[in-house]
Amino acid sequence: MGLEKLNEHHKKNHKDVSTISVNDVLLKLFNEKKMLTTKMIYKLVEASDVEVAAAITSLEKQGMIKDVAGGTWVRTDKDSKQPVLV
């Protein structure tokens, strides 16, 4: 593949990861792991402490996650506020 074609292929198939928010990353992690501790979140999400804390607060206010035991977060069903296995 020539350099021009390679660049064209890359432009067509490259997904812009900068559009993914910390919220999106956290929800993806919750969907995969079902439950995360605050320590795990900070380890897994590559963002500043302030961004992670803001995302956790935002998701909690939306009823998407809840703190079940001192920094252990679970994903919740938005309607019933019950833990949900996704």
PDB file of N, CA and C in Angstrom:
ATOM      1  N   MET A   1       0.855  -1.177   0.000  1.00  0.00           N
ATOM      2  CA  MET A   1       0.000   0.000   0.000  1.00  0.00           C
ATOM      3  C   MET A   1       0.896   1.233   0.000  1.00  0.00           C
ATOM      4  N   GLY A   2       0.648   2.138  -0.960  1.00  0.00           N
ATOM      5  CA  GLY A   2       1.428   3.363  -1.008  1.00  0.00           C
ATOM      6  C   GLY A   2       1.116   4.259   0.180  1.00  0.00           C
ATOM      7  N   LEU A   3       1.973   5.233   0.406  1.00  0.00           N
ATOM      8  CA  LEU A   3       1.805   6.138   1.540  1.00  0.00           C
ATOM      9  C   LEU A   3       0.490   6.903   1.464  1.00  0.00           C
ATOM     10  N   GLU A   4       0.119   7.351   0.246  1.00  0.00           N
ATOM     11  CA  GLU A   4      -1.157   8.074   0.082  1.00  0.00           C
ATOM     12  C   GLU A   4      -2.335   7.191   0.461  1.00  0.00           C
ATOM     13  N   LYS A   5      -2.327   5.961  -0.043  1.00  0.00           N
ATOM     14  CA  LYS A   5      -3.419   5.029   0.252  1.00  0.00           C
ATOM     15  C   LYS A   5      -3.456   4.688   1.740  1.00  0.00           C
ATOM     16  N   LEU A   6      -2.288   4.539   2.345  1.00  0.00           N
ATOM     17  CA  LEU A   6      -2.212   4.232   3.767  1.00  0.00           C
ATOM     18  C   LEU A   6      -2.816   5.374   4.591  1.00  0.00           C
ATOM     19  N   ASN A   7      -2.466   6.614   4.234  1.00  0.00           N
ATOM     20  CA  ASN A   7      -3.028   7.778   4.922  1.00  0.00           C
ATOM     21  C   ASN A   7      -4.536   7.853   4.736  1.00  0.00           C
ATOM     22  N   GLU A   8      -4.998   7.567   3.525  1.00  0.00           N
ATOM     23  CA  GLU A   8      -6.436   7.581   3.225  1.00  0.00           C
ATOM     24  C   GLU A   8      -7.155   6.517   4.059  1.00  0.00           C
ATOM     25  N   HIS A   9      -6.567   5.323   4.098  1.00  0.00           N
ATOM     26  CA  HIS A   9      -7.133   4.213   4.871  1.00  0.00           C
ATOM     27  C   HIS A   9      -7.201   4.590   6.352  1.00  0.00           C
ATOM     28  N   HIS A  10      -6.135   5.210   6.844  1.00  0.00           N
ATOM     29  CA  HIS A  10      -6.082   5.605   8.256  1.00  0.00           C
ATOM     30  C   HIS A  10      -7.166   6.636   8.569  1.00  0.00           C
ATOM     31  N   LYS A  11      -7.345   7.614   7.686  1.00  0.00           N
ATOM     32  CA  LYS A  11      -8.365   8.654   7.904  1.00  0.00           C
ATOM     33  C   LYS A  11      -9.765   8.060   7.936  1.00  0.00           C
ATOM     34  N   LYS A  12     -10.023   7.088   7.061  1.00  0.00           N
ATOM     35  CA  LYS A  12     -11.347   6.465   6.997  1.00  0.00           C
ATOM     36  C   LYS A  12     -11.622   5.600   8.223  1.00  0.00           C
ATOM     37  N   ASN A  13     -10.606   4.902   8.708  1.00  0.00           N
ATOM     38  CA  ASN A  13     -10.803   3.912   9.758  1.00  0.00           C
ATOM     39  C   ASN A  13     -10.363   4.347  11.151  1.00  0.00           C
ATOM     40  N   HIS A  14      -9.786   5.521  11.245  1.00  0.00           N
ATOM     41  CA  HIS A  14      -9.313   5.987  12.554  1.00  0.00           C
ATOM     42  C   HIS A  14     -10.462   6.607  13.328  1.00  0.00           C
ATOM     43  N   LYS A  15     -10.683   6.099  14.521  1.00  0.00           N
ATOM     44  CA  LYS A  15     -11.728   6.660  15.376  1.00  0.00           C
ATOM     45  C   LYS A  15     -11.097   7.704  16.277  1.00  0.00           C
ATOM     46  N   ASP A  16     -11.717   8.870  16.342  1.00  0.00           N
ATOM     47  CA  ASP A  16     -11.198   9.960  17.160  1.00  0.00           C
ATOM     48  C   ASP A  16     -11.522   9.687  18.619  1.00  0.00           C
ATOM     49  N   VAL A  17     -10.537   9.234  19.382  1.00  0.00           N
ATOM     50  CA  VAL A  17     -10.774   8.887  20.781  1.00  0.00           C
ATOM     51  C   VAL A  17     -10.947  10.116  21.668  1.00  0.00           C
ATOM     52  N   SER A  18     -10.584  11.279  21.161  1.00  0.00           N
ATOM     53  CA  SER A  18     -10.713  12.484  21.982  1.00  0.00           C
ATOM     54  C   SER A  18     -12.175  12.856  22.216  1.00  0.00           C
ATOM     55  N   THR A  19     -13.088  12.271  21.451  1.00  0.00           N
ATOM     56  CA  THR A  19     -14.510  12.578  21.628  1.00  0.00           C
ATOM     57  C   THR A  19     -15.143  11.727  22.728  1.00  0.00           C
ATOM     58  N   ILE A  20     -14.406  10.753  23.238  1.00  0.00           N
ATOM     59  CA  ILE A  20     -14.932   9.893  24.301  1.00  0.00           C
ATOM     60  C   ILE A  20     -14.750  10.607  25.635  1.00  0.00           C
ATOM     61  N   SER A  21     -15.832  10.773  26.360  1.00  0.00           N
ATOM     62  CA  SER A  21     -15.754  11.473  27.644  1.00  0.00           C
ATOM     63  C   SER A  21     -15.390  10.504  28.761  1.00  0.00           C
ATOM     64  N   VAL A  22     -15.010  11.061  29.892  1.00  0.00           N
ATOM     65  CA  VAL A  22     -14.711  10.236  31.062  1.00  0.00           C
ATOM     66  C   VAL A  22     -15.968   9.468  31.458  1.00  0.00           C
ATOM     67  N   ASN A  23     -17.147  10.117  31.341  1.00  0.00           N
ATOM     68  CA  ASN A  23     -18.423   9.437  31.625  1.00  0.00           C
ATOM     69  C   ASN A  23     -18.559   8.180  30.781  1.00  0.00           C
ATOM     70  N   ASP A  24     -18.293   8.308  29.466  1.00  0.00           N
ATOM     71  CA  ASP A  24     -18.407   7.167  28.553  1.00  0.00           C
ATOM     72  C   ASP A  24     -17.467   6.040  28.975  1.00  0.00           C
ATOM     73  N   VAL A  25     -16.244   6.406  29.324  1.00  0.00           N
ATOM     74  CA  VAL A  25     -15.258   5.407  29.741  1.00  0.00           C
ATOM     75  C   VAL A  25     -15.718   4.708  31.012  1.00  0.00           C
ATOM     76  N   LEU A  26     -16.200   5.498  31.986  1.00  0.00           N
ATOM     77  CA  LEU A  26     -16.664   4.909  33.246  1.00  0.00           C
ATOM     78  C   LEU A  26     -17.835   3.969  33.014  1.00  0.00           C
ATOM     79  N   LEU A  27     -18.804   4.387  32.198  1.00  0.00           N
ATOM     80  CA  LEU A  27     -19.965   3.528  31.941  1.00  0.00           C
ATOM     81  C   LEU A  27     -19.547   2.247  31.235  1.00  0.00           C
ATOM     82  N   LYS A  28     -18.582   2.350  30.313  1.00  0.00           N
ATOM     83  CA  LYS A  28     -18.079   1.158  29.634  1.00  0.00           C
ATOM     84  C   LYS A  28     -17.440   0.213  30.664  1.00  0.00           C
ATOM     85  N   LEU A  29     -16.645   0.773  31.573  1.00  0.00           N
ATOM     86  CA  LEU A  29     -16.016  -0.043  32.619  1.00  0.00           C
ATOM     87  C   LEU A  29     -17.061  -0.688  33.517  1.00  0.00           C
ATOM     88  N   PHE A  30     -18.099   0.069  33.895  1.00  0.00           N
ATOM     89  CA  PHE A  30     -19.153  -0.489  34.742  1.00  0.00           C
ATOM     90  C   PHE A  30     -19.890  -1.605  34.017  1.00  0.00           C
ATOM     91  N   ASN A  31     -20.106  -1.444  32.707  1.00  0.00           N
ATOM     92  CA  ASN A  31     -20.793  -2.484  31.940  1.00  0.00           C
ATOM     93  C   ASN A  31     -19.962  -3.760  31.889  1.00  0.00           C
ATOM     94  N   GLU A  32     -18.643  -3.607  31.819  1.00  0.00           N
ATOM     95  CA  GLU A  32     -17.771  -4.779  31.740  1.00  0.00           C
ATOM     96  C   GLU A  32     -17.539  -5.423  33.104  1.00  0.00           C
ATOM     97  N   LYS A  33     -17.352  -4.609  34.127  1.00  0.00           N
ATOM     98  CA  LYS A  33     -16.943  -5.120  35.442  1.00  0.00           C
ATOM     99  C   LYS A  33     -18.084  -5.211  36.454  1.00  0.00           C
ATOM    100  N   LYS A  34     -19.206  -4.564  36.171  1.00  0.00           N
ATOM    101  CA  LYS A  34     -20.393  -4.530  37.052  1.00  0.00           C
ATOM    102  C   LYS A  34     -20.185  -3.689  38.312  1.00  0.00           C
ATOM    103  N   MET A  35     -18.979  -3.689  38.876  1.00  0.00           N
ATOM    104  CA  MET A  35     -18.728  -2.951  40.112  1.00  0.00           C
ATOM    105  C   MET A  35     -17.270  -2.500  40.114  1.00  0.00           C
ATOM    106  N   LEU A  36     -17.027  -1.283  40.543  1.00  0.00           N
ATOM    107  CA  LEU A  36     -15.670  -0.762  40.607  1.00  0.00           C
ATOM    108  C   LEU A  36     -15.464  -0.015  41.914  1.00  0.00           C
ATOM    109  N   THR A  37     -14.251  -0.098  42.440  1.00  0.00           N
ATOM    110  CA  THR A  37     -13.932   0.725  43.606  1.00  0.00           C
ATOM    111  C   THR A  37     -13.372   2.043  43.088  1.00  0.00           C
ATOM    112  N   THR A  38     -13.395   3.057  43.934  1.00  0.00           N
ATOM    113  CA  THR A  38     -12.856   4.355  43.536  1.00  0.00           C
ATOM    114  C   THR A  38     -11.392   4.202  43.121  1.00  0.00           C
ATOM    115  N   LYS A  39     -10.642   3.384  43.849  1.00  0.00           N
ATOM    116  CA  LYS A  39      -9.229   3.143  43.540  1.00  0.00           C
ATOM    117  C   LYS A  39      -9.081   2.540  42.137  1.00  0.00           C
ATOM    118  N   MET A  40      -9.942   1.574  41.803  1.00  0.00           N
ATOM    119  CA  MET A  40      -9.903   0.944  40.482  1.00  0.00           C
ATOM    120  C   MET A  40     -10.215   1.959  39.388  1.00  0.00           C
ATOM    121  N   ILE A  41     -11.196   2.834  39.663  1.00  0.00           N
ATOM    122  CA  ILE A  41     -11.583   3.839  38.670  1.00  0.00           C
ATOM    123  C   ILE A  41     -10.389   4.736  38.354  1.00  0.00           C
ATOM    124  N   TYR A  42      -9.725   5.233  39.386  1.00  0.00           N
ATOM    125  CA  TYR A  42      -8.574   6.111  39.167  1.00  0.00           C
ATOM    126  C   TYR A  42      -7.448   5.401  38.430  1.00  0.00           C
ATOM    127  N   LYS A  43      -7.300   4.102  38.667  1.00  0.00           N
ATOM    128  CA  LYS A  43      -6.263   3.325  38.003  1.00  0.00           C
ATOM    129  C   LYS A  43      -6.612   3.088  36.522  1.00  0.00           C
ATOM    130  N   LEU A  44      -7.892   2.820  36.253  1.00  0.00           N
ATOM    131  CA  LEU A  44      -8.323   2.440  34.908  1.00  0.00           C
ATOM    132  C   LEU A  44      -8.578   3.620  33.975  1.00  0.00           C
ATOM    133  N   VAL A  45      -9.053   4.729  34.535  1.00  0.00           N
ATOM    134  CA  VAL A  45      -9.397   5.875  33.690  1.00  0.00           C
ATOM    135  C   VAL A  45      -8.210   6.816  33.628  1.00  0.00           C
ATOM    136  N   GLU A  46      -7.747   7.069  32.405  1.00  0.00           N
ATOM    137  CA  GLU A  46      -6.617   7.975  32.243  1.00  0.00           C
ATOM    138  C   GLU A  46      -7.138   9.401  32.143  1.00  0.00           C
ATOM    139  N   ALA A  47      -7.373  10.005  33.274  1.00  0.00           N
ATOM    140  CA  ALA A  47      -7.842  11.387  33.329  1.00  0.00           C
ATOM    141  C   ALA A  47      -7.350  11.976  34.643  1.00  0.00           C
ATOM    142  N   SER A  48      -7.490  13.281  34.758  1.00  0.00           N
ATOM    143  CA  SER A  48      -7.047  13.911  36.004  1.00  0.00           C
ATOM    144  C   SER A  48      -8.008  13.557  37.134  1.00  0.00           C
ATOM    145  N   ASP A  49      -7.532  13.682  38.360  1.00  0.00           N
ATOM    146  CA  ASP A  49      -8.367  13.405  39.531  1.00  0.00           C
ATOM    147  C   ASP A  49      -9.651  14.219  39.495  1.00  0.00           C
ATOM    148  N   VAL A  50      -9.532  15.479  39.087  1.00  0.00           N
ATOM    149  CA  VAL A  50     -10.694  16.374  39.047  1.00  0.00           C
ATOM    150  C   VAL A  50     -11.720  15.874  38.034  1.00  0.00           C
ATOM    151  N   GLU A  51     -11.245  15.443  36.843  1.00  0.00           N
ATOM    152  CA  GLU A  51     -12.154  14.932  35.807  1.00  0.00           C
ATOM    153  C   GLU A  51     -12.861  13.661  36.268  1.00  0.00           C
ATOM    154  N   VAL A  52     -12.117  12.759  36.883  1.00  0.00           N
ATOM    155  CA  VAL A  52     -12.701  11.501  37.356  1.00  0.00           C
ATOM    156  C   VAL A  52     -13.722  11.778  38.448  1.00  0.00           C
ATOM    157  N   ALA A  53     -13.363  12.636  39.398  1.00  0.00           N
ATOM    158  CA  ALA A  53     -14.286  12.976  40.488  1.00  0.00           C
ATOM    159  C   ALA A  53     -15.554  13.628  39.940  1.00  0.00           C
ATOM    160  N   ALA A  54     -15.398  14.513  38.959  1.00  0.00           N
ATOM    161  CA  ALA A  54     -16.554  15.182  38.348  1.00  0.00           C
ATOM    162  C   ALA A  54     -17.436  14.175  37.621  1.00  0.00           C
ATOM    163  N   ALA A  55     -16.819  13.228  36.922  1.00  0.00           N
ATOM    164  CA  ALA A  55     -17.580  12.210  36.196  1.00  0.00           C
ATOM    165  C   ALA A  55     -18.341  11.311  37.166  1.00  0.00           C
ATOM    166  N   ILE A  56     -17.689  10.903  38.257  1.00  0.00           N
ATOM    167  CA  ILE A  56     -18.349  10.059  39.259  1.00  0.00           C
ATOM    168  C   ILE A  56     -19.549  10.797  39.841  1.00  0.00           C
ATOM    169  N   THR A  57     -19.342  12.066  40.213  1.00  0.00           N
ATOM    170  CA  THR A  57     -20.424  12.883  40.779  1.00  0.00           C
ATOM    171  C   THR A  57     -21.563  13.035  39.787  1.00  0.00           C
ATOM    172  N   SER A  58     -21.225  13.303  38.532  1.00  0.00           N
ATOM    173  CA  SER A  58     -22.232  13.478  37.482  1.00  0.00           C
ATOM    174  C   SER A  58     -23.058  12.209  37.298  1.00  0.00           C
ATOM    175  N   LEU A  59     -22.386  11.061  37.208  1.00  0.00           N
ATOM    176  CA  LEU A  59     -23.087   9.788  37.020  1.00  0.00           C
ATOM    177  C   LEU A  59     -23.943   9.446  38.233  1.00  0.00           C
ATOM    178  N   GLU A  60     -23.444   9.783  39.424  1.00  0.00           N
ATOM    179  CA  GLU A  60     -24.204   9.513  40.645  1.00  0.00           C
ATOM    180  C   GLU A  60     -25.471  10.375  40.676  1.00  0.00           C
ATOM    181  N   LYS A  61     -25.335  11.657  40.312  1.00  0.00           N
ATOM    182  CA  LYS A  61     -26.494  12.566  40.294  1.00  0.00           C
ATOM    183  C   LYS A  61     -27.537  12.126  39.270  1.00  0.00           C
ATOM    184  N   GLN A  62     -27.066  11.548  38.155  1.00  0.00           N
ATOM    185  CA  GLN A  62     -27.983  11.058  37.116  1.00  0.00           C
ATOM    186  C   GLN A  62     -28.628   9.735  37.520  1.00  0.00           C
ATOM    187  N   GLY A  63     -28.170   9.150  38.612  1.00  0.00           N
ATOM    188  CA  GLY A  63     -28.716   7.870  39.054  1.00  0.00           C
ATOM    189  C   GLY A  63     -28.172   6.687  38.284  1.00  0.00           C
ATOM    190  N   MET A  64     -27.043   6.881  37.602  1.00  0.00           N
ATOM    191  CA  MET A  64     -26.461   5.804  36.799  1.00  0.00           C
ATOM    192  C   MET A  64     -25.588   4.865  37.634  1.00  0.00           C
ATOM    193  N   ILE A  65     -25.003   5.405  38.708  1.00  0.00           N
ATOM    194  CA  ILE A  65     -24.168   4.592  39.593  1.00  0.00           C
ATOM    195  C   ILE A  65     -24.495   4.964  41.034  1.00  0.00           C
ATOM    196  N   LYS A  66     -24.137   4.081  41.955  1.00  0.00           N
ATOM    197  CA  LYS A  66     -24.294   4.438  43.365  1.00  0.00           C
ATOM    198  C   LYS A  66     -23.160   3.844  44.177  1.00  0.00           C
ATOM    199  N   ASP A  67     -22.859   4.516  45.277  1.00  0.00           N
ATOM    200  CA  ASP A  67     -21.806   4.081  46.188  1.00  0.00           C
ATOM    201  C   ASP A  67     -22.443   3.098  47.160  1.00  0.00           C
ATOM    202  N   VAL A  68     -22.027   1.837  47.103  1.00  0.00           N
ATOM    203  CA  VAL A  68     -22.655   0.825  47.957  1.00  0.00           C
ATOM    204  C   VAL A  68     -21.924   0.600  49.273  1.00  0.00           C
ATOM    205  N   ALA A  69     -20.624   0.861  49.301  1.00  0.00           N
ATOM    206  CA  ALA A  69     -19.884   0.652  50.557  1.00  0.00           C
ATOM    207  C   ALA A  69     -18.549   1.379  50.503  1.00  0.00           C
ATOM    208  N   GLY A  70     -18.541   2.578  51.016  1.00  0.00           N
ATOM    209  CA  GLY A  70     -17.298   3.343  51.125  1.00  0.00           C
ATOM    210  C   GLY A  70     -16.395   3.324  49.912  1.00  0.00           C
ATOM    211  N   GLY A  71     -16.866   3.833  48.800  1.00  0.00           N
ATOM    212  CA  GLY A  71     -16.039   3.918  47.603  1.00  0.00           C
ATOM    213  C   GLY A  71     -16.153   2.729  46.671  1.00  0.00           C
ATOM    214  N   THR A  72     -17.158   1.871  46.854  1.00  0.00           N
ATOM    215  CA  THR A  72     -17.421   0.794  45.900  1.00  0.00           C
ATOM    216  C   THR A  72     -18.662   1.181  45.118  1.00  0.00           C
ATOM    217  N   TRP A  73     -18.479   1.408  43.835  1.00  0.00           N
ATOM    218  CA  TRP A  73     -19.556   1.925  42.986  1.00  0.00           C
ATOM    219  C   TRP A  73     -20.161   0.804  42.157  1.00  0.00           C
ATOM    220  N   VAL A  74     -21.483   0.820  42.016  1.00  0.00           N
ATOM    221  CA  VAL A  74     -22.164  -0.136  41.143  1.00  0.00           C
ATOM    222  C   VAL A  74     -23.021   0.635  40.157  1.00  0.00           C
ATOM    223  N   ARG A  75     -23.201   0.031  38.999  1.00  0.00           N
ATOM    224  CA  ARG A  75     -24.065   0.614  37.965  1.00  0.00           C
ATOM    225  C   ARG A  75     -25.504   0.370  38.381  1.00  0.00           C
ATOM    226  N   THR A  76     -26.370   1.356  38.207  1.00  0.00           N
ATOM    227  CA  THR A  76     -27.772   1.186  38.567  1.00  0.00           C
ATOM    228  C   THR A  76     -28.662   1.383  37.356  1.00  0.00           C
ATOM    229  N   ASP A  77     -29.860   0.822  37.449  1.00  0.00           N
ATOM    230  CA  ASP A  77     -30.870   1.023  36.423  1.00  0.00           C
ATOM    231  C   ASP A  77     -31.476   2.392  36.687  1.00  0.00           C
ATOM    232  N   LYS A  78     -31.445   3.268  35.697  1.00  0.00           N
ATOM    233  CA  LYS A  78     -31.881   4.657  35.891  1.00  0.00           C
ATOM    234  C   LYS A  78     -33.318   4.757  36.406  1.00  0.00           C
ATOM    235  N   ASP A  79     -34.215   3.880  35.965  1.00  0.00           N
ATOM    236  CA  ASP A  79     -35.622   3.973  36.359  1.00  0.00           C
ATOM    237  C   ASP A  79     -35.864   3.482  37.783  1.00  0.00           C
ATOM    238  N   SER A  80     -35.375   2.299  38.098  1.00  0.00           N
ATOM    239  CA  SER A  80     -35.688   1.720  39.406  1.00  0.00           C
ATOM    240  C   SER A  80     -34.606   1.969  40.451  1.00  0.00           C
ATOM    241  N   LYS A  81     -33.470   2.515  40.021  1.00  0.00           N
ATOM    242  CA  LYS A  81     -32.333   2.785  40.911  1.00  0.00           C
ATOM    243  C   LYS A  81     -31.788   1.514  41.568  1.00  0.00           C
ATOM    244  N   GLN A  82     -32.037   0.385  40.958  1.00  0.00           N
ATOM    245  CA  GLN A  82     -31.542  -0.883  41.485  1.00  0.00           C
ATOM    246  C   GLN A  82     -30.293  -1.293  40.712  1.00  0.00           C
ATOM    247  N   PRO A  83     -29.365  -1.995  41.366  1.00  0.00           N
ATOM    248  CA  PRO A  83     -28.204  -2.488  40.620  1.00  0.00           C
ATOM    249  C   PRO A  83     -28.675  -3.356  39.458  1.00  0.00           C
ATOM    250  N   VAL A  84     -28.008  -3.209  38.352  1.00  0.00           N
ATOM    251  CA  VAL A  84     -28.448  -3.929  37.163  1.00  0.00           C
ATOM    252  C   VAL A  84     -27.249  -4.641  36.548  1.00  0.00           C
ATOM    253  N   LEU A  85     -27.418  -5.838  36.092  1.00  0.00           N
ATOM    254  CA  LEU A  85     -26.362  -6.536  35.365  1.00  0.00           C
ATOM    255  C   LEU A  85     -26.571  -6.256  33.888  1.00  0.00           C
ATOM    256  N   VAL A  86     -25.627  -5.564  33.298  1.00  0.00           N
ATOM    257  CA  VAL A  86     -25.789  -5.142  31.899  1.00  0.00           C
ATOM    258  C   VAL A  86     -25.059  -6.110  30.994  1.00  0.00           C
TER     259      VAL A  86
END
